[in-house]
Amino acid sequence: RPEPADAVAEQQQQQPAVPNETAVLRGVRELAVETRAVPEPGPLEVRVRVRRVGICGSDVEYWQHGRIGDFVLRAPMVIGHESAGVVDAVGADVPRDALRVGDRVALEPGVPCRHCAHCRGGTYNLCARMRFHATPPVDGALARYVVHAYDFCHRLP
């Protein structure tokens, strides 16, 4: 039985209960906690209240050296890319059977372009236009709230 439209709208528009505190790498060995605006999901995104984030070797490398190969920290960046949490807002165009408020999810940290030969051929991990959490200039997930492409959020049991 379909839910009334107002119940769906209410489910999709929950207001965050806590500020969006983030771990921001400002420069080499300069990490700070900053409160940033709570992001709103785009049409095909969900907002996730982050519950767990792993600190990866790449986070440490950016902290120690400010770069990994050609990826150079040129502006403050939120670190952390291995994360999981709970969906607390759903974009307007996310299919109803995909994700819902309250779903526990793991976030796949890289979102490809979806249009290149690699993406169309099933090897999206090789996409040259991949946007990867905590890889300059893309912010990571060591924050209370992040928005992410719904189809790169995987429902957990």
N, C-alpha and C. Protein backbone atom coordinates (compact mmCIF):
# COMPACT_ATOMS: atom_id res chain seq x y z
N ARG A 1 0.84 -1.19 0.00
CA ARG A 1 0.00 0.00 0.00
C ARG A 1 0.88 1.24 0.00
N PRO A 2 0.69 2.18 -0.93
CA PRO A 2 1.53 3.38 -0.99
C PRO A 2 1.31 4.28 0.21
N GLU A 3 2.38 4.95 0.61
CA GLU A 3 2.28 5.90 1.72
C GLU A 3 1.70 7.21 1.21
N PRO A 4 1.00 7.93 2.07
CA PRO A 4 0.50 9.25 1.65
C PRO A 4 1.68 10.16 1.30
N ALA A 5 1.46 11.03 0.33
CA ALA A 5 2.53 11.91 -0.15
C ALA A 5 3.13 12.74 0.97
N ASP A 6 2.32 13.21 1.92
CA ASP A 6 2.86 14.04 3.00
C ASP A 6 3.76 13.23 3.93
N ALA A 7 3.50 11.95 4.11
CA ALA A 7 4.36 11.10 4.94
C ALA A 7 5.70 10.89 4.26
N VAL A 8 5.70 10.71 2.95
CA VAL A 8 6.95 10.55 2.21
C VAL A 8 7.75 11.85 2.28
N ALA A 9 7.10 12.98 2.05
CA ALA A 9 7.79 14.26 2.12
C ALA A 9 8.38 14.49 3.50
N GLU A 10 7.63 14.16 4.55
CA GLU A 10 8.14 14.32 5.91
C GLU A 10 9.35 13.43 6.13
N GLN A 11 9.28 12.20 5.67
CA GLN A 11 10.39 11.26 5.82
C GLN A 11 11.64 11.79 5.14
N GLN A 12 11.47 12.43 3.98
CA GLN A 12 12.61 12.90 3.21
C GLN A 12 13.19 14.21 3.72
N GLN A 13 12.53 14.88 4.64
CA GLN A 13 12.96 16.21 5.05
C GLN A 13 13.30 16.31 6.53
N GLN A 14 13.72 15.22 7.17
CA GLN A 14 14.08 15.29 8.58
C GLN A 14 15.20 16.30 8.77
N GLN A 15 15.08 17.09 9.81
CA GLN A 15 16.11 18.06 10.12
C GLN A 15 17.15 17.43 11.04
N PRO A 16 18.44 17.65 10.77
CA PRO A 16 19.49 17.07 11.61
C PRO A 16 19.39 17.56 13.05
N ALA A 17 19.70 16.65 13.96
CA ALA A 17 19.60 16.95 15.39
C ALA A 17 20.88 17.57 15.95
N VAL A 18 22.01 17.39 15.28
CA VAL A 18 23.28 17.89 15.79
C VAL A 18 24.01 18.66 14.69
N PRO A 19 24.93 19.54 15.09
CA PRO A 19 25.69 20.29 14.07
C PRO A 19 26.60 19.36 13.27
N ASN A 20 26.99 19.82 12.10
CA ASN A 20 27.85 19.03 11.22
C ASN A 20 29.32 19.32 11.52
N GLU A 21 29.83 18.63 12.52
CA GLU A 21 31.24 18.77 12.86
C GLU A 21 32.05 17.92 11.90
N THR A 22 33.15 18.50 11.40
CA THR A 22 33.96 17.84 10.38
C THR A 22 35.44 17.88 10.78
N ALA A 23 36.21 16.89 10.33
CA ALA A 23 37.66 16.88 10.53
C ALA A 23 38.29 17.41 9.25
N VAL A 24 38.82 18.62 9.33
CA VAL A 24 39.32 19.32 8.15
C VAL A 24 40.84 19.40 8.19
N LEU A 25 41.45 18.89 7.13
CA LEU A 25 42.89 19.02 6.96
C LEU A 25 43.14 20.36 6.28
N ARG A 26 43.75 21.28 7.02
CA ARG A 26 43.98 22.63 6.49
C ARG A 26 45.33 22.75 5.79
N GLY A 27 46.25 21.88 6.16
CA GLY A 27 47.59 21.89 5.59
C GLY A 27 48.36 20.72 6.19
N VAL A 28 49.63 20.62 5.84
CA VAL A 28 50.45 19.53 6.37
C VAL A 28 50.46 19.58 7.89
N ARG A 29 50.06 18.46 8.49
CA ARG A 29 50.00 18.30 9.96
C ARG A 29 49.13 19.34 10.65
N GLU A 30 48.15 19.86 9.93
CA GLU A 30 47.24 20.86 10.49
C GLU A 30 45.80 20.37 10.31
N LEU A 31 45.31 19.67 11.33
CA LEU A 31 43.97 19.10 11.31
C LEU A 31 43.12 19.83 12.34
N ALA A 32 41.90 20.21 11.96
CA ALA A 32 41.03 20.97 12.86
C ALA A 32 39.61 20.43 12.78
N VAL A 33 38.88 20.60 13.86
CA VAL A 33 37.44 20.29 13.84
C VAL A 33 36.72 21.58 13.53
N GLU A 34 35.90 21.55 12.48
CA GLU A 34 35.12 22.71 12.07
C GLU A 34 33.66 22.33 11.98
N THR A 35 32.80 23.27 12.29
CA THR A 35 31.37 23.07 12.08
C THR A 35 31.03 23.66 10.72
N ARG A 36 30.47 22.81 9.87
CA ARG A 36 30.09 23.23 8.52
C ARG A 36 28.57 23.09 8.38
N ALA A 37 28.05 23.69 7.35
CA ALA A 37 26.61 23.59 7.08
C ALA A 37 26.24 22.13 6.84
N VAL A 38 25.06 21.76 7.27
CA VAL A 38 24.55 20.42 7.00
C VAL A 38 24.16 20.39 5.52
N PRO A 39 24.74 19.48 4.75
CA PRO A 39 24.44 19.47 3.31
C PRO A 39 23.05 18.94 3.02
N GLU A 40 22.47 19.43 1.96
CA GLU A 40 21.17 18.94 1.49
C GLU A 40 21.40 18.02 0.30
N PRO A 41 20.71 16.90 0.24
CA PRO A 41 20.92 16.00 -0.89
C PRO A 41 20.37 16.57 -2.18
N GLY A 42 21.11 16.32 -3.27
CA GLY A 42 20.61 16.65 -4.60
C GLY A 42 19.56 15.63 -5.00
N PRO A 43 19.00 15.77 -6.19
CA PRO A 43 17.90 14.89 -6.60
C PRO A 43 18.22 13.40 -6.54
N LEU A 44 19.45 13.00 -6.85
CA LEU A 44 19.81 11.57 -6.87
C LEU A 44 20.81 11.22 -5.76
N GLU A 45 20.73 11.98 -4.67
CA GLU A 45 21.62 11.74 -3.53
C GLU A 45 20.81 11.45 -2.27
N VAL A 46 21.52 10.91 -1.29
CA VAL A 46 20.96 10.77 0.05
C VAL A 46 21.91 11.48 1.01
N ARG A 47 21.34 11.97 2.11
CA ARG A 47 22.18 12.48 3.18
C ARG A 47 22.33 11.37 4.20
N VAL A 48 23.57 11.18 4.66
CA VAL A 48 23.88 10.12 5.60
C VAL A 48 24.40 10.73 6.89
N ARG A 49 23.83 10.32 8.00
CA ARG A 49 24.40 10.66 9.30
C ARG A 49 25.49 9.63 9.53
N VAL A 50 26.72 10.06 9.46
CA VAL A 50 27.87 9.16 9.53
C VAL A 50 28.01 8.62 10.95
N ARG A 51 28.18 7.31 11.03
CA ARG A 51 28.34 6.64 12.33
C ARG A 51 29.75 6.10 12.53
N ARG A 52 30.42 5.71 11.44
CA ARG A 52 31.76 5.15 11.52
C ARG A 52 32.57 5.59 10.31
N VAL A 53 33.85 5.92 10.56
CA VAL A 53 34.79 6.25 9.49
C VAL A 53 36.13 5.63 9.84
N GLY A 54 36.72 4.96 8.87
CA GLY A 54 38.07 4.43 9.07
C GLY A 54 39.10 5.46 8.65
N ILE A 55 40.21 5.49 9.38
CA ILE A 55 41.34 6.32 8.97
C ILE A 55 42.25 5.43 8.14
N CYS A 56 42.47 5.82 6.91
CA CYS A 56 43.21 5.03 5.94
C CYS A 56 44.64 5.57 5.82
N GLY A 57 45.48 4.77 5.24
CA GLY A 57 46.85 5.22 4.98
C GLY A 57 46.90 6.48 4.14
N SER A 58 45.95 6.63 3.23
CA SER A 58 45.95 7.85 2.41
C SER A 58 45.62 9.08 3.25
N ASP A 59 44.74 8.96 4.25
CA ASP A 59 44.47 10.09 5.14
C ASP A 59 45.74 10.51 5.87
N VAL A 60 46.49 9.53 6.35
CA VAL A 60 47.74 9.80 7.06
C VAL A 60 48.75 10.44 6.11
N GLU A 61 48.82 9.95 4.89
CA GLU A 61 49.75 10.49 3.89
C GLU A 61 49.44 11.96 3.60
N TYR A 62 48.15 12.29 3.40
CA TYR A 62 47.79 13.69 3.18
C TYR A 62 48.14 14.53 4.40
N TRP A 63 47.91 14.01 5.59
CA TRP A 63 48.23 14.75 6.83
C TRP A 63 49.74 14.98 6.94
N GLN A 64 50.53 13.95 6.63
CA GLN A 64 51.99 14.06 6.78
C GLN A 64 52.64 14.87 5.67
N HIS A 65 52.16 14.72 4.42
CA HIS A 65 52.87 15.29 3.29
C HIS A 65 52.04 16.25 2.42
N GLY A 66 50.72 16.24 2.61
CA GLY A 66 49.87 17.14 1.83
C GLY A 66 49.67 16.72 0.39
N ARG A 67 50.06 15.51 0.05
CA ARG A 67 49.92 15.05 -1.33
C ARG A 67 50.09 13.55 -1.42
N ILE A 68 49.52 13.00 -2.47
CA ILE A 68 49.80 11.64 -2.91
C ILE A 68 49.91 11.73 -4.42
N GLY A 69 51.12 11.59 -4.94
CA GLY A 69 51.34 11.70 -6.38
C GLY A 69 50.87 13.05 -6.89
N ASP A 70 50.00 13.03 -7.90
CA ASP A 70 49.49 14.26 -8.51
C ASP A 70 48.37 14.91 -7.71
N PHE A 71 47.86 14.22 -6.69
CA PHE A 71 46.77 14.77 -5.88
C PHE A 71 47.36 15.57 -4.73
N VAL A 72 47.24 16.89 -4.83
CA VAL A 72 47.88 17.80 -3.89
C VAL A 72 46.82 18.57 -3.13
N LEU A 73 46.98 18.65 -1.81
CA LEU A 73 46.08 19.43 -0.98
C LEU A 73 46.36 20.91 -1.23
N ARG A 74 45.43 21.59 -1.89
CA ARG A 74 45.59 23.02 -2.21
C ARG A 74 44.60 23.88 -1.43
N ALA A 75 43.63 23.25 -0.80
CA ALA A 75 42.61 23.95 -0.02
C ALA A 75 42.18 23.02 1.11
N PRO A 76 41.58 23.55 2.16
CA PRO A 76 41.12 22.67 3.24
C PRO A 76 40.22 21.56 2.71
N MET A 77 40.38 20.36 3.29
CA MET A 77 39.63 19.18 2.82
C MET A 77 39.25 18.32 4.02
N VAL A 78 38.00 17.88 4.04
CA VAL A 78 37.55 16.91 5.04
C VAL A 78 38.19 15.57 4.70
N ILE A 79 38.79 14.91 5.70
CA ILE A 79 39.43 13.62 5.46
C ILE A 79 38.45 12.48 5.69
N GLY A 80 38.90 11.26 5.43
CA GLY A 80 38.10 10.06 5.68
C GLY A 80 37.30 9.61 4.48
N HIS A 81 37.50 8.35 4.08
CA HIS A 81 36.71 7.89 2.94
C HIS A 81 36.08 6.52 3.13
N GLU A 82 36.39 5.82 4.17
CA GLU A 82 35.76 4.52 4.41
C GLU A 82 34.72 4.72 5.50
N SER A 83 33.45 4.76 5.11
CA SER A 83 32.44 5.20 6.06
C SER A 83 31.13 4.43 5.95
N ALA A 84 30.36 4.53 7.04
CA ALA A 84 29.03 3.93 7.10
C ALA A 84 28.17 4.80 7.99
N GLY A 85 26.86 4.74 7.79
CA GLY A 85 25.97 5.54 8.61
C GLY A 85 24.52 5.21 8.31
N VAL A 86 23.65 6.17 8.64
CA VAL A 86 22.21 5.99 8.52
C VAL A 86 21.65 7.09 7.63
N VAL A 87 20.88 6.71 6.63
CA VAL A 87 20.24 7.68 5.73
C VAL A 87 19.26 8.52 6.55
N ASP A 88 19.38 9.85 6.44
CA ASP A 88 18.42 10.69 7.15
C ASP A 88 17.69 11.67 6.25
N ALA A 89 18.02 11.68 4.96
CA ALA A 89 17.27 12.47 3.98
C ALA A 89 17.50 11.86 2.61
N VAL A 90 16.48 11.92 1.76
CA VAL A 90 16.52 11.28 0.45
C VAL A 90 16.17 12.32 -0.62
N GLY A 91 16.99 12.38 -1.66
CA GLY A 91 16.74 13.30 -2.76
C GLY A 91 15.44 12.97 -3.48
N ALA A 92 14.88 13.97 -4.12
CA ALA A 92 13.56 13.87 -4.74
C ALA A 92 13.46 12.80 -5.82
N ASP A 93 14.55 12.51 -6.52
CA ASP A 93 14.48 11.56 -7.64
C ASP A 93 15.06 10.18 -7.32
N VAL A 94 15.39 9.95 -6.07
CA VAL A 94 15.88 8.62 -5.68
C VAL A 94 14.70 7.65 -5.75
N PRO A 95 14.85 6.54 -6.47
CA PRO A 95 13.73 5.60 -6.57
C PRO A 95 13.27 5.13 -5.19
N ARG A 96 11.97 5.03 -5.01
CA ARG A 96 11.40 4.68 -3.70
C ARG A 96 11.86 3.33 -3.19
N ASP A 97 12.20 2.41 -4.10
CA ASP A 97 12.63 1.09 -3.65
C ASP A 97 14.14 1.01 -3.42
N ALA A 98 14.86 2.12 -3.61
CA ALA A 98 16.31 2.12 -3.47
C ALA A 98 16.72 2.26 -2.00
N LEU A 99 16.56 3.45 -1.46
CA LEU A 99 16.94 3.72 -0.07
C LEU A 99 15.86 4.57 0.58
N ARG A 100 15.75 4.42 1.89
CA ARG A 100 14.77 5.18 2.65
C ARG A 100 15.42 5.73 3.90
N VAL A 101 14.82 6.75 4.47
CA VAL A 101 15.28 7.28 5.74
C VAL A 101 15.30 6.14 6.75
N GLY A 102 16.40 6.04 7.49
CA GLY A 102 16.56 5.00 8.50
C GLY A 102 17.38 3.81 8.02
N ASP A 103 17.61 3.68 6.71
CA ASP A 103 18.45 2.59 6.21
C ASP A 103 19.89 2.78 6.66
N ARG A 104 20.50 1.70 7.13
CA ARG A 104 21.93 1.70 7.43
C ARG A 104 22.68 1.39 6.14
N VAL A 105 23.73 2.17 5.86
CA VAL A 105 24.43 2.03 4.59
C VAL A 105 25.95 2.12 4.78
N ALA A 106 26.66 1.46 3.87
CA ALA A 106 28.10 1.66 3.68
C ALA A 106 28.24 2.49 2.42
N LEU A 107 29.13 3.47 2.46
CA LEU A 107 29.32 4.35 1.31
C LEU A 107 30.51 3.87 0.50
N GLU A 108 30.28 3.64 -0.78
CA GLU A 108 31.38 3.37 -1.69
C GLU A 108 32.01 4.74 -1.97
N PRO A 109 33.28 4.95 -1.62
CA PRO A 109 33.83 6.31 -1.60
C PRO A 109 34.07 6.95 -2.95
N GLY A 110 34.11 6.17 -4.02
CA GLY A 110 34.34 6.74 -5.33
C GLY A 110 33.06 6.73 -6.16
N VAL A 111 32.77 7.86 -6.79
CA VAL A 111 31.60 7.95 -7.68
C VAL A 111 32.13 8.31 -9.06
N PRO A 112 31.92 7.40 -10.04
CA PRO A 112 32.45 7.62 -11.39
C PRO A 112 31.53 8.52 -12.21
N CYS A 113 31.98 8.82 -13.44
CA CYS A 113 31.21 9.70 -14.31
C CYS A 113 29.96 9.02 -14.87
N ARG A 114 29.97 7.70 -14.98
CA ARG A 114 28.88 6.87 -15.49
C ARG A 114 28.72 6.92 -17.01
N HIS A 115 29.56 7.68 -17.73
CA HIS A 115 29.38 7.86 -19.16
C HIS A 115 30.55 7.39 -20.02
N CYS A 116 31.73 7.26 -19.46
CA CYS A 116 32.90 6.89 -20.26
C CYS A 116 32.86 5.39 -20.61
N ALA A 117 33.80 4.97 -21.45
CA ALA A 117 33.85 3.57 -21.88
C ALA A 117 34.03 2.63 -20.69
N HIS A 118 34.85 3.03 -19.72
CA HIS A 118 35.05 2.17 -18.54
C HIS A 118 33.75 2.01 -17.76
N CYS A 119 33.06 3.11 -17.53
CA CYS A 119 31.80 3.05 -16.78
C CYS A 119 30.77 2.20 -17.52
N ARG A 120 30.61 2.47 -18.79
CA ARG A 120 29.63 1.71 -19.58
C ARG A 120 30.02 0.24 -19.72
N GLY A 121 31.32 -0.05 -19.64
CA GLY A 121 31.79 -1.42 -19.80
C GLY A 121 31.87 -2.20 -18.50
N GLY A 122 31.49 -1.57 -17.38
CA GLY A 122 31.47 -2.29 -16.11
C GLY A 122 32.75 -2.18 -15.29
N THR A 123 33.73 -1.43 -15.78
CA THR A 123 34.96 -1.24 -15.01
C THR A 123 35.03 0.22 -14.53
N TYR A 124 33.96 0.63 -13.86
CA TYR A 124 33.87 2.03 -13.42
C TYR A 124 34.99 2.40 -12.47
N ASN A 125 35.61 1.44 -11.82
CA ASN A 125 36.72 1.73 -10.92
C ASN A 125 37.92 2.33 -11.67
N LEU A 126 37.94 2.22 -12.99
CA LEU A 126 39.02 2.77 -13.81
C LEU A 126 38.66 4.13 -14.41
N CYS A 127 37.51 4.65 -14.08
CA CYS A 127 37.04 5.94 -14.62
C CYS A 127 38.04 7.05 -14.28
N ALA A 128 38.48 7.76 -15.30
CA ALA A 128 39.43 8.85 -15.10
C ALA A 128 38.79 10.05 -14.42
N ARG A 129 37.46 10.13 -14.43
CA ARG A 129 36.77 11.27 -13.81
C ARG A 129 36.15 10.89 -12.46
N MET A 130 36.63 9.82 -11.86
CA MET A 130 36.16 9.38 -10.55
C MET A 130 36.31 10.52 -9.54
N ARG A 131 35.25 10.73 -8.78
CA ARG A 131 35.30 11.68 -7.65
C ARG A 131 35.34 10.83 -6.39
N PHE A 132 36.46 10.91 -5.68
CA PHE A 132 36.73 10.00 -4.58
C PHE A 132 36.82 10.78 -3.27
N HIS A 133 36.06 10.33 -2.26
CA HIS A 133 36.11 10.98 -0.95
C HIS A 133 37.55 11.15 -0.47
N ALA A 134 37.82 12.32 0.08
CA ALA A 134 39.11 12.64 0.71
C ALA A 134 40.28 12.53 -0.26
N THR A 135 40.02 12.87 -1.53
CA THR A 135 41.08 13.00 -2.53
C THR A 135 40.90 14.38 -3.15
N PRO A 136 41.86 15.27 -2.93
CA PRO A 136 41.68 16.65 -3.39
C PRO A 136 41.16 16.73 -4.82
N PRO A 137 40.17 17.59 -5.04
CA PRO A 137 39.59 18.57 -4.12
C PRO A 137 38.29 18.10 -3.45
N VAL A 138 38.01 16.80 -3.44
CA VAL A 138 36.74 16.28 -2.93
C VAL A 138 36.83 16.04 -1.42
N ASP A 139 35.85 16.59 -0.68
CA ASP A 139 35.81 16.35 0.76
C ASP A 139 35.52 14.89 1.06
N GLY A 140 36.00 14.45 2.20
CA GLY A 140 35.77 13.09 2.67
C GLY A 140 34.56 13.00 3.59
N ALA A 141 34.55 11.94 4.39
CA ALA A 141 33.37 11.60 5.17
C ALA A 141 33.57 11.65 6.68
N LEU A 142 34.68 12.21 7.15
CA LEU A 142 34.86 12.33 8.59
C LEU A 142 34.11 13.58 9.05
N ALA A 143 32.79 13.42 9.04
CA ALA A 143 31.84 14.49 9.32
C ALA A 143 30.59 13.85 9.91
N ARG A 144 29.78 14.64 10.55
CA ARG A 144 28.51 14.09 11.05
C ARG A 144 27.57 13.76 9.91
N TYR A 145 27.55 14.61 8.86
CA TYR A 145 26.64 14.43 7.74
C TYR A 145 27.39 14.57 6.42
N VAL A 146 27.08 13.70 5.48
CA VAL A 146 27.58 13.81 4.11
C VAL A 146 26.43 13.51 3.16
N VAL A 147 26.52 14.04 1.96
CA VAL A 147 25.60 13.62 0.90
C VAL A 147 26.39 12.78 -0.08
N HIS A 148 25.69 11.80 -0.67
CA HIS A 148 26.38 10.87 -1.55
C HIS A 148 25.39 10.31 -2.56
N ALA A 149 25.90 9.94 -3.73
CA ALA A 149 25.04 9.34 -4.76
C ALA A 149 24.35 8.11 -4.18
N TYR A 150 23.04 8.04 -4.32
CA TYR A 150 22.28 6.96 -3.69
C TYR A 150 22.74 5.59 -4.16
N ASP A 151 23.13 5.48 -5.43
CA ASP A 151 23.48 4.17 -5.98
C ASP A 151 24.90 3.74 -5.61
N PHE A 152 25.62 4.56 -4.84
CA PHE A 152 26.91 4.19 -4.30
C PHE A 152 26.85 4.13 -2.77
N CYS A 153 25.63 3.99 -2.26
CA CYS A 153 25.37 3.71 -0.85
C CYS A 153 24.75 2.32 -0.80
N HIS A 154 25.36 1.42 -0.09
CA HIS A 154 24.93 0.03 -0.07
C HIS A 154 24.27 -0.30 1.25
N ARG A 155 23.01 -0.73 1.17
CA ARG A 155 22.21 -1.05 2.36
C ARG A 155 22.88 -2.18 3.14
N LEU A 156 22.92 -2.00 4.45
CA LEU A 156 23.49 -3.00 5.35
C LEU A 156 22.37 -3.78 6.04
N PRO A 157 22.65 -5.00 6.45
CA PRO A 157 21.61 -5.77 7.17
C PRO A 157 21.30 -5.15 8.52
